[in-house]
Structure formats: C-alpha cells, structure tokens
C-alpha atoms as a PDB file:
ATOM      1  CA  MET A   1      95.751  99.397 135.172  1.00  0.00           C
ATOM      2  CA  THR A   2      93.196  96.572 135.208  1.00  0.00           C
ATOM      3  CA  TYR A   3      90.960  96.126 132.195  1.00  0.00           C
ATOM      4  CA  PRO A   4      87.212  95.791 132.845  1.00  0.00           C
ATOM      5  CA  THR A   5      86.349  92.086 132.923  1.00  0.00           C
ATOM      6  CA  GLU A   6      83.405  92.572 130.567  1.00  0.00           C
ATOM      7  CA  THR A   7      85.582  93.887 127.767  1.00  0.00           C
ATOM      8  CA  LEU A   8      87.914  90.920 127.954  1.00  0.00           C
ATOM      9  CA  THR A   9      85.269  88.182 128.130  1.00  0.00           C
ATOM     10  CA  HIS A  10      82.881  89.515 125.485  1.00  0.00           C
ATOM     11  CA  SER A  11      85.350  90.771 122.893  1.00  0.00           C
ATOM     12  CA  ASP A  12      83.310  89.230 120.059  1.00  0.00           C
ATOM     13  CA  ILE A  13      80.749  92.039 120.435  1.00  0.00           C
ATOM     14  CA  TRP A  14      83.382  94.627 119.589  1.00  0.00           C
ATOM     15  CA  ALA A  15      84.232  92.902 116.328  1.00  0.00           C
ATOM     16  CA  THR A  16      80.866  91.621 115.179  1.00  0.00           C
ATOM     17  CA  THR A  17      78.186  94.133 116.147  1.00  0.00           C
ATOM     18  CA  ALA A  18      76.864  96.097 113.184  1.00  0.00           C
ATOM     19  CA  ASP A  19      75.319  98.681 115.502  1.00  0.00           C
ATOM     20  CA  LEU A  20      77.836 101.499 115.773  1.00  0.00           C
ATOM     21  CA  THR A  21      75.724 103.173 118.452  1.00  0.00           C
ATOM     22  CA  ILE A  22      76.360 100.188 120.727  1.00  0.00           C
ATOM     23  CA  LEU A  23      80.048 100.308 119.852  1.00  0.00           C
ATOM     24  CA  ARG A  24      80.176 104.036 120.639  1.00  0.00           C
ATOM     25  CA  HIS A  25      78.615 103.435 124.072  1.00  0.00           C
ATOM     26  CA  LYS A  26      81.146 100.709 124.803  1.00  0.00           C
ATOM     27  CA  LEU A  27      84.042 102.951 123.758  1.00  0.00           C
ATOM     28  CA  LEU A  28      82.679 105.726 125.983  1.00  0.00           C
ATOM     29  CA  ASP A  29      82.731 103.256 128.877  1.00  0.00           C
ATOM     30  CA  LEU A  30      86.393 102.508 128.192  1.00  0.00           C
ATOM     31  CA  PHE A  31      87.279 106.200 128.219  1.00  0.00           C
ATOM     32  CA  SER A  32      85.364 106.683 131.460  1.00  0.00           C
ATOM     33  CA  GLU A  33      86.776 103.593 133.191  1.00  0.00           C
ATOM     34  CA  LEU A  34      90.360 103.539 131.930  1.00  0.00           C
ATOM     35  CA  ALA A  35      91.359 106.956 130.638  1.00  0.00           C
ATOM     36  CA  TYR A  36      89.584 109.639 132.659  1.00  0.00           C
ATOM     37  CA  GLN A  37      91.283 110.729 135.912  1.00  0.00           C
ATOM     38  CA  GLU A  38      90.692 113.606 138.305  1.00  0.00           C
ATOM     39  CA  GLY A  39      93.456 115.420 140.185  1.00  0.00           C
ATOM     40  CA  ASP A  40      96.011 118.150 139.448  1.00  0.00           C
ATOM     41  CA  PHE A  41      97.606 117.840 136.017  1.00  0.00           C
ATOM     42  CA  VAL A  42      99.719 119.853 133.575  1.00  0.00           C
ATOM     43  CA  LEU A  43      98.635 119.239 129.974  1.00  0.00           C
ATOM     44  CA  ALA A  44     100.778 119.100 126.831  1.00  0.00           C
ATOM     45  CA  SER A  45      99.486 122.607 126.062  1.00  0.00           C
ATOM     46  CA  GLY A  46     101.002 123.833 129.329  1.00  0.00           C
ATOM     47  CA  LEU A  47      97.596 124.486 130.862  1.00  0.00           C
ATOM     48  CA  ARG A  48      96.747 123.136 134.320  1.00  0.00           C
ATOM     49  CA  SER A  49      93.691 120.963 134.675  1.00  0.00           C
ATOM     50  CA  SER A  50      91.656 119.247 137.376  1.00  0.00           C
ATOM     51  CA  TYR A  51      91.276 116.205 135.132  1.00  0.00           C
ATOM     52  CA  TYR A  52      93.261 114.259 132.561  1.00  0.00           C
ATOM     53  CA  VAL A  53      92.312 111.886 129.747  1.00  0.00           C
ATOM     54  CA  ASN A  54      95.030 109.236 129.417  1.00  0.00           C
ATOM     55  CA  LYS A  55      93.907 108.275 125.930  1.00  0.00           C
ATOM     56  CA  MET A  56      96.595 105.637 125.349  1.00  0.00           C
ATOM     57  CA  GLN A  57      94.800 103.452 127.885  1.00  0.00           C
ATOM     58  CA  VAL A  58      92.039 103.223 125.275  1.00  0.00           C
ATOM     59  CA  THR A  59      93.758 103.517 121.881  1.00  0.00           C
ATOM     60  CA  LEU A  60      96.267 100.784 122.795  1.00  0.00           C
ATOM     61  CA  HIS A  61      93.600  98.597 124.416  1.00  0.00           C
ATOM     62  CA  PRO A  62      92.710  95.725 122.009  1.00  0.00           C
ATOM     63  CA  GLN A  63      88.964  96.311 121.913  1.00  0.00           C
ATOM     64  CA  GLY A  64      89.457 100.052 122.230  1.00  0.00           C
ATOM     65  CA  ALA A  65      91.697 100.214 119.168  1.00  0.00           C
ATOM     66  CA  LEU A  66      89.224  98.171 117.150  1.00  0.00           C
ATOM     67  CA  ALA A  67      86.338 100.428 118.194  1.00  0.00           C
ATOM     68  CA  VAL A  68      88.332 103.550 117.332  1.00  0.00           C
ATOM     69  CA  GLY A  69      89.009 102.233 113.844  1.00  0.00           C
ATOM     70  CA  ARG A  70      85.434 101.111 113.262  1.00  0.00           C
ATOM     71  CA  LEU A  71      83.890 104.359 114.513  1.00  0.00           C
ATOM     72  CA  LEU A  72      86.251 106.791 112.799  1.00  0.00           C
ATOM     73  CA  PHE A  73      86.294 105.091 109.398  1.00  0.00           C
ATOM     74  CA  PRO A  74      82.658 105.980 108.509  1.00  0.00           C
ATOM     75  CA  LEU A  75      83.385 109.642 109.278  1.00  0.00           C
ATOM     76  CA  LEU A  76      85.958 109.872 106.487  1.00  0.00           C
ATOM     77  CA  PRO A  77      84.859 111.489 103.207  1.00  0.00           C
ATOM     78  CA  VAL A  78      84.688 108.969 100.365  1.00  0.00           C
ATOM     79  CA  ASP A  79      87.579 110.667  98.566  1.00  0.00           C
ATOM     80  CA  THR A  80      89.969 110.378 101.539  1.00  0.00           C
ATOM     81  CA  GLN A  81      93.370 109.154 100.354  1.00  0.00           C
ATOM     82  CA  ALA A  82      95.094 108.880 103.755  1.00  0.00           C
ATOM     83  CA  VAL A  83      94.671 109.487 107.465  1.00  0.00           C
ATOM     84  CA  ALA A  84      97.435 111.213 109.395  1.00  0.00           C
ATOM     85  CA  GLY A  85      98.292 112.510 112.830  1.00  0.00           C
ATOM     86  CA  LEU A  86     101.041 113.917 114.986  1.00  0.00           C
ATOM     87  CA  THR A  87     103.141 111.339 116.813  1.00  0.00           C
ATOM     88  CA  MET A  88     102.654 109.744 119.145  1.00  0.00           C
ATOM     89  CA  GLY A  89      99.099 110.257 120.282  1.00  0.00           C
ATOM     90  CA  ALA A  90      97.630 109.712 116.832  1.00  0.00           C
ATOM     91  CA  ASP A  91      99.848 106.732 115.925  1.00  0.00           C
ATOM     92  CA  PRO A  92      97.499 103.968 117.153  1.00  0.00           C
ATOM     93  CA  MET A  93      94.493 105.845 115.767  1.00  0.00           C
ATOM     94  CA  VAL A  94      95.703 106.142 112.180  1.00  0.00           C
ATOM     95  CA  THR A  95      96.874 102.524 112.295  1.00  0.00           C
ATOM     96  CA  ALA A  96      93.491 101.286 113.544  1.00  0.00           C
ATOM     97  CA  VAL A  97      91.570 103.215 110.892  1.00  0.00           C
ATOM     98  CA  SER A  98      93.889 102.013 108.130  1.00  0.00           C
ATOM     99  CA  ILE A  99      93.460  98.370 109.165  1.00  0.00           C
ATOM    100  CA  VAL A 100      89.669  98.673 109.381  1.00  0.00           C
ATOM    101  CA  SER A 101      89.616 100.302 105.937  1.00  0.00           C
ATOM    102  CA  VAL A 102      90.992  97.102 104.401  1.00  0.00           C
ATOM    103  CA  TYR A 103      88.082  95.075 105.785  1.00  0.00           C
ATOM    104  CA  GLU A 104      85.713  97.713 104.417  1.00  0.00           C
ATOM    105  CA  ASN A 105      87.203  97.231 100.923  1.00  0.00           C
ATOM    106  CA  ARG A 106      88.432 100.826 100.803  1.00  0.00           C
ATOM    107  CA  PRO A 107      92.117 100.655 101.820  1.00  0.00           C
ATOM    108  CA  ILE A 108      93.370 103.956 103.223  1.00  0.00           C
ATOM    109  CA  PRO A 109      97.048 104.336 104.157  1.00  0.00           C
ATOM    110  CA  ALA A 110      98.239 105.880 107.422  1.00  0.00           C
ATOM    111  CA  LEU A 111     100.769 108.686 107.810  1.00  0.00           C
ATOM    112  CA  ILE A 112     102.652 109.530 110.991  1.00  0.00           C
ATOM    113  CA  ILE A 113     103.946 113.065 111.401  1.00  0.00           C
ATOM    114  CA  ARG A 114     107.044 113.660 113.474  1.00  0.00           C
ATOM    115  CA  LYS A 115     107.267 116.610 115.852  1.00  0.00           C
ATOM    116  CA  GLU A 116     110.825 117.226 114.682  1.00  0.00           C
ATOM    117  CA  THR A 117     112.486 116.195 111.452  1.00  0.00           C
ATOM    118  CA  LYS A 118     114.252 112.825 111.475  1.00  0.00           C
ATOM    119  CA  GLY A 119     117.967 113.463 111.976  1.00  0.00           C
ATOM    120  CA  TYR A 120     119.169 110.764 109.578  1.00  0.00           C
ATOM    121  CA  GLY A 121     118.270 109.038 106.306  1.00  0.00           C
ATOM    122  CA  THR A 122     115.625 111.003 104.428  1.00  0.00           C
ATOM    123  CA  LYS A 123     115.227 113.470 107.313  1.00  0.00           C
ATOM    124  CA  ALA A 124     111.485 113.358 106.709  1.00  0.00           C
ATOM    125  CA  TYR A 125     108.756 114.872 108.852  1.00  0.00           C
ATOM    126  CA  ILE A 126     106.160 112.463 107.495  1.00  0.00           C
ATOM    127  CA  GLU A 127     106.406 108.675 107.635  1.00  0.00           C
ATOM    128  CA  GLY A 128     104.309 106.425 105.427  1.00  0.00           C
ATOM    129  CA  PRO A 129     103.486 105.952 101.751  1.00  0.00           C
ATOM    130  CA  THR A 130     104.208 108.817  99.372  1.00  0.00           C
ATOM    131  CA  LEU A 131     100.950 110.154  97.961  1.00  0.00           C
ATOM    132  CA  PRO A 132     100.199 112.079  94.763  1.00  0.00           C
ATOM    133  CA  GLU A 133     100.382 115.871  94.799  1.00  0.00           C
ATOM    134  CA  GLY A 134      97.159 117.292  96.247  1.00  0.00           C
ATOM    135  CA  ALA A 135      96.122 114.013  97.897  1.00  0.00           C
ATOM    136  CA  LYS A 136      93.230 114.473 100.320  1.00  0.00           C
ATOM    137  CA  VAL A 137      94.262 113.651 103.897  1.00  0.00           C
ATOM    138  CA  VAL A 138      92.155 113.668 107.068  1.00  0.00           C
ATOM    139  CA  VAL A 139      93.984 114.467 110.309  1.00  0.00           C
ATOM    140  CA  LEU A 140      93.149 112.425 113.405  1.00  0.00           C
ATOM    141  CA  GLU A 141      93.710 113.636 116.972  1.00  0.00           C
ATOM    142  CA  ASP A 142      93.142 111.848 120.272  1.00  0.00           C
ATOM    143  CA  VAL A 143      92.228 114.641 122.712  1.00  0.00           C
ATOM    144  CA  VAL A 144      91.783 118.243 121.560  1.00  0.00           C
ATOM    145  CA  THR A 145      92.467 121.078 123.995  1.00  0.00           C
ATOM    146  CA  THR A 146      93.839 124.227 122.347  1.00  0.00           C
ATOM    147  CA  GLY A 147      94.069 122.505 118.961  1.00  0.00           C
ATOM    148  CA  GLN A 148      97.714 123.310 118.299  1.00  0.00           C
ATOM    149  CA  SER A 149      98.925 119.707 117.846  1.00  0.00           C
ATOM    150  CA  ALA A 150      96.531 118.815 115.053  1.00  0.00           C
ATOM    151  CA  LEU A 151      97.071 122.196 113.420  1.00  0.00           C
ATOM    152  CA  LYS A 152     100.806 121.482 113.311  1.00  0.00           C
ATOM    153  CA  ALA A 153     100.021 118.200 111.556  1.00  0.00           C
ATOM    154  CA  VAL A 154      97.874 120.056 109.032  1.00  0.00           C
ATOM    155  CA  GLU A 155     100.692 122.495 108.315  1.00  0.00           C
ATOM    156  CA  ARG A 156     103.242 119.698 107.781  1.00  0.00           C
ATOM    157  CA  LEU A 157     100.925 117.930 105.346  1.00  0.00           C
ATOM    158  CA  LYS A 158     100.211 121.094 103.383  1.00  0.00           C
ATOM    159  CA  ASP A 159     103.932 121.846 103.229  1.00  0.00           C
ATOM    160  CA  VAL A 160     104.478 118.703 101.143  1.00  0.00           C
ATOM    161  CA  GLY A 161     101.548 119.460  98.853  1.00  0.00           C
ATOM    162  CA  TYR A 162      98.694 117.465 100.368  1.00  0.00           C
ATOM    163  CA  THR A 163      95.154 118.791 100.824  1.00  0.00           C
ATOM    164  CA  VAL A 164      93.670 118.831 104.346  1.00  0.00           C
ATOM    165  CA  ASN A 165      90.126 120.027 105.051  1.00  0.00           C
ATOM    166  CA  GLN A 166      89.103 118.021 108.095  1.00  0.00           C
ATOM    167  CA  ILE A 167      90.188 117.040 111.609  1.00  0.00           C
ATOM    168  CA  ILE A 168      88.521 114.267 113.618  1.00  0.00           C
ATOM    169  CA  SER A 169      89.169 113.710 117.318  1.00  0.00           C
ATOM    170  CA  LEU A 170      88.185 111.167 119.926  1.00  0.00           C
ATOM    171  CA  VAL A 171      87.566 113.645 122.754  1.00  0.00           C
ATOM    172  CA  ASP A 172      87.102 117.411 122.640  1.00  0.00           C
ATOM    173  CA  ARG A 173      87.931 119.190 125.900  1.00  0.00           C
ATOM    174  CA  GLN A 174      86.142 122.244 124.449  1.00  0.00           C
ATOM    175  CA  GLN A 175      88.884 124.680 125.346  1.00  0.00           C
ATOM    176  CA  GLY A 176      89.258 126.475 122.051  1.00  0.00           C
ATOM    177  CA  GLY A 177      90.461 123.793 119.658  1.00  0.00           C
ATOM    178  CA  GLY A 178      87.258 123.602 117.646  1.00  0.00           C
ATOM    179  CA  GLU A 179      87.165 127.366 117.238  1.00  0.00           C
ATOM    180  CA  LEU A 180      90.803 127.389 116.104  1.00  0.00           C
ATOM    181  CA  TYR A 181      90.092 124.816 113.402  1.00  0.00           C
ATOM    182  CA  GLN A 182      87.035 126.734 112.249  1.00  0.00           C
ATOM    183  CA  SER A 183      89.082 129.920 111.947  1.00  0.00           C
ATOM    184  CA  ALA A 184      91.581 127.974 109.823  1.00  0.00           C
ATOM    185  CA  GLY A 185      88.796 126.816 107.491  1.00  0.00           C
ATOM    186  CA  LEU A 186      88.856 123.209 108.716  1.00  0.00           C
ATOM    187  CA  LYS A 187      85.871 120.964 109.364  1.00  0.00           C
ATOM    188  CA  PHE A 188      86.007 119.471 112.868  1.00  0.00           C
ATOM    189  CA  GLU A 189      84.241 116.415 114.241  1.00  0.00           C
ATOM    190  CA  THR A 190      84.649 114.598 117.537  1.00  0.00           C
ATOM    191  CA  LEU A 191      83.347 111.294 118.865  1.00  0.00           C
ATOM    192  CA  PHE A 192      82.891 112.546 122.432  1.00  0.00           C
ATOM    193  CA  SER A 193      82.717 115.837 124.271  1.00  0.00           C
ATOM    194  CA  ILE A 194      84.495 115.927 127.608  1.00  0.00           C
ATOM    195  CA  GLN A 195      81.095 116.408 129.258  1.00  0.00           C
ATOM    196  CA  GLU A 196      79.959 113.016 127.940  1.00  0.00           C
ATOM    197  CA  VAL A 197      83.048 111.330 129.368  1.00  0.00           C
ATOM    198  CA  GLN A 198      82.664 113.064 132.736  1.00  0.00           C
ATOM    199  CA  GLU A 199      78.967 112.245 132.985  1.00  0.00           C
ATOM    200  CA  ARG A 200      79.580 108.570 132.233  1.00  0.00           C
ATOM    201  CA  TYR A 201      82.524 108.521 134.665  1.00  0.00           C
ATOM    202  CA  ARG A 202      80.230 109.710 137.481  1.00  0.00           C
ATOM    203  CA  GLN A 203      77.478 107.291 136.502  1.00  0.00           C
ATOM    204  CA  LEU A 204      79.881 104.368 136.680  1.00  0.00           C
ATOM    205  CA  ALA A 205      81.392 105.618 139.954  1.00  0.00           C
ATOM    206  CA  ASN A 206      77.945 105.760 141.548  1.00  0.00           C
ATOM    207  CA  SER A 207      76.651 102.466 140.189  1.00  0.00           C
END
C-alpha cells in the first residue's frame, strides 16, 4: 500500500491545525484512499459484503493515528476515566486517544480487552491500569457493523465493576449496530457514516 504523497510531505498540518473540521476532512480522505475497497468480502460478523474498510491502514498510519486521537478526544465526556476497546481493532485507537489526552492536560489511560482470557499469569480479560470501582469508561470501535464486538467490550468492562454509557466509532456501516447500542441503553457516536466514505471514495476516483 502506498501512502498519499500529500500526507507524507505536509504532516505538520496534522499536528498543528486547530481546525478539527479540516482534520476530519483529511482523515476522511485517508479512509477513502487507503482503507475503503470494493469487491467480495466476508466480514468479522460473518456477513458478506461488496465492500470492506481495512481500518488498520488508517489507524496505524502516522498521520491517521494522530488524527484519530485528536478527533476522538473532544468527544469524551469530561468525567471519562479511561478509554477501552476490543483487541485488536481498537488497540491503536485507545492508544492514540490516551497519548493525545496527555497533551490536552487531561491524561486518560487506555484499556485493551482480550477476546479470550489470557491463559497465564493473571488470566485477565482486560489489560491496562486498574481503575476504581465504578470508573467511567468509554468504549472505542473502529468499524461498526452489527455492533457485537463493542458490546462484548462493554460487557467485559461491566463484569469488573466499571461504568460504560457510551460507544464511539470511526465508521458506522449502518447495519444495525447503532440500534443495538440504543436498545442496550448506550449512547453512540461515529466520526463517519459509510455513505460519507463511499461518496468521497468516488469523488477521488473521478478526480
């Protein structure tokens, strides 16, 4: 995969711009150029799809990771005590947000939730700092389809006594995930709808 030349030669914009609208547009371009693909795919949910969003092409991209952290951090409630997500899709996201939080003078730790319990040592499901009982945690998700992955993360966090009221994603495929979270009493926000990504993908392809 070749990174767009613009993102590598003007990286200062990603770090220094105070306009988050500009940063959001630039992140949308990365998703459209690097992550979005059309074809015949089987998703993690088991559903078949005519397109796929390879989100790691963005969340592990240097400017992409920085933009993810800078754009998600302002969406966190002021009383957030940690961000968490199911491995491994959410791993770079929670890390990026945690790092950005330090520069914003509101340090927020990151938690990584295993899909299966660790088979040695503490045998923990959750990796990261131990928080007080009832700590308020926001779950991050990369791409939401049916919503089951993030809901599993919520359940693991609640099992150890943490409070979870919100899920934030990068891209919503709008295939039932948002409705599932609503039925579970969870607030849901997303940076991009899949329609936004697809529209920008076609604009760039035709330019």
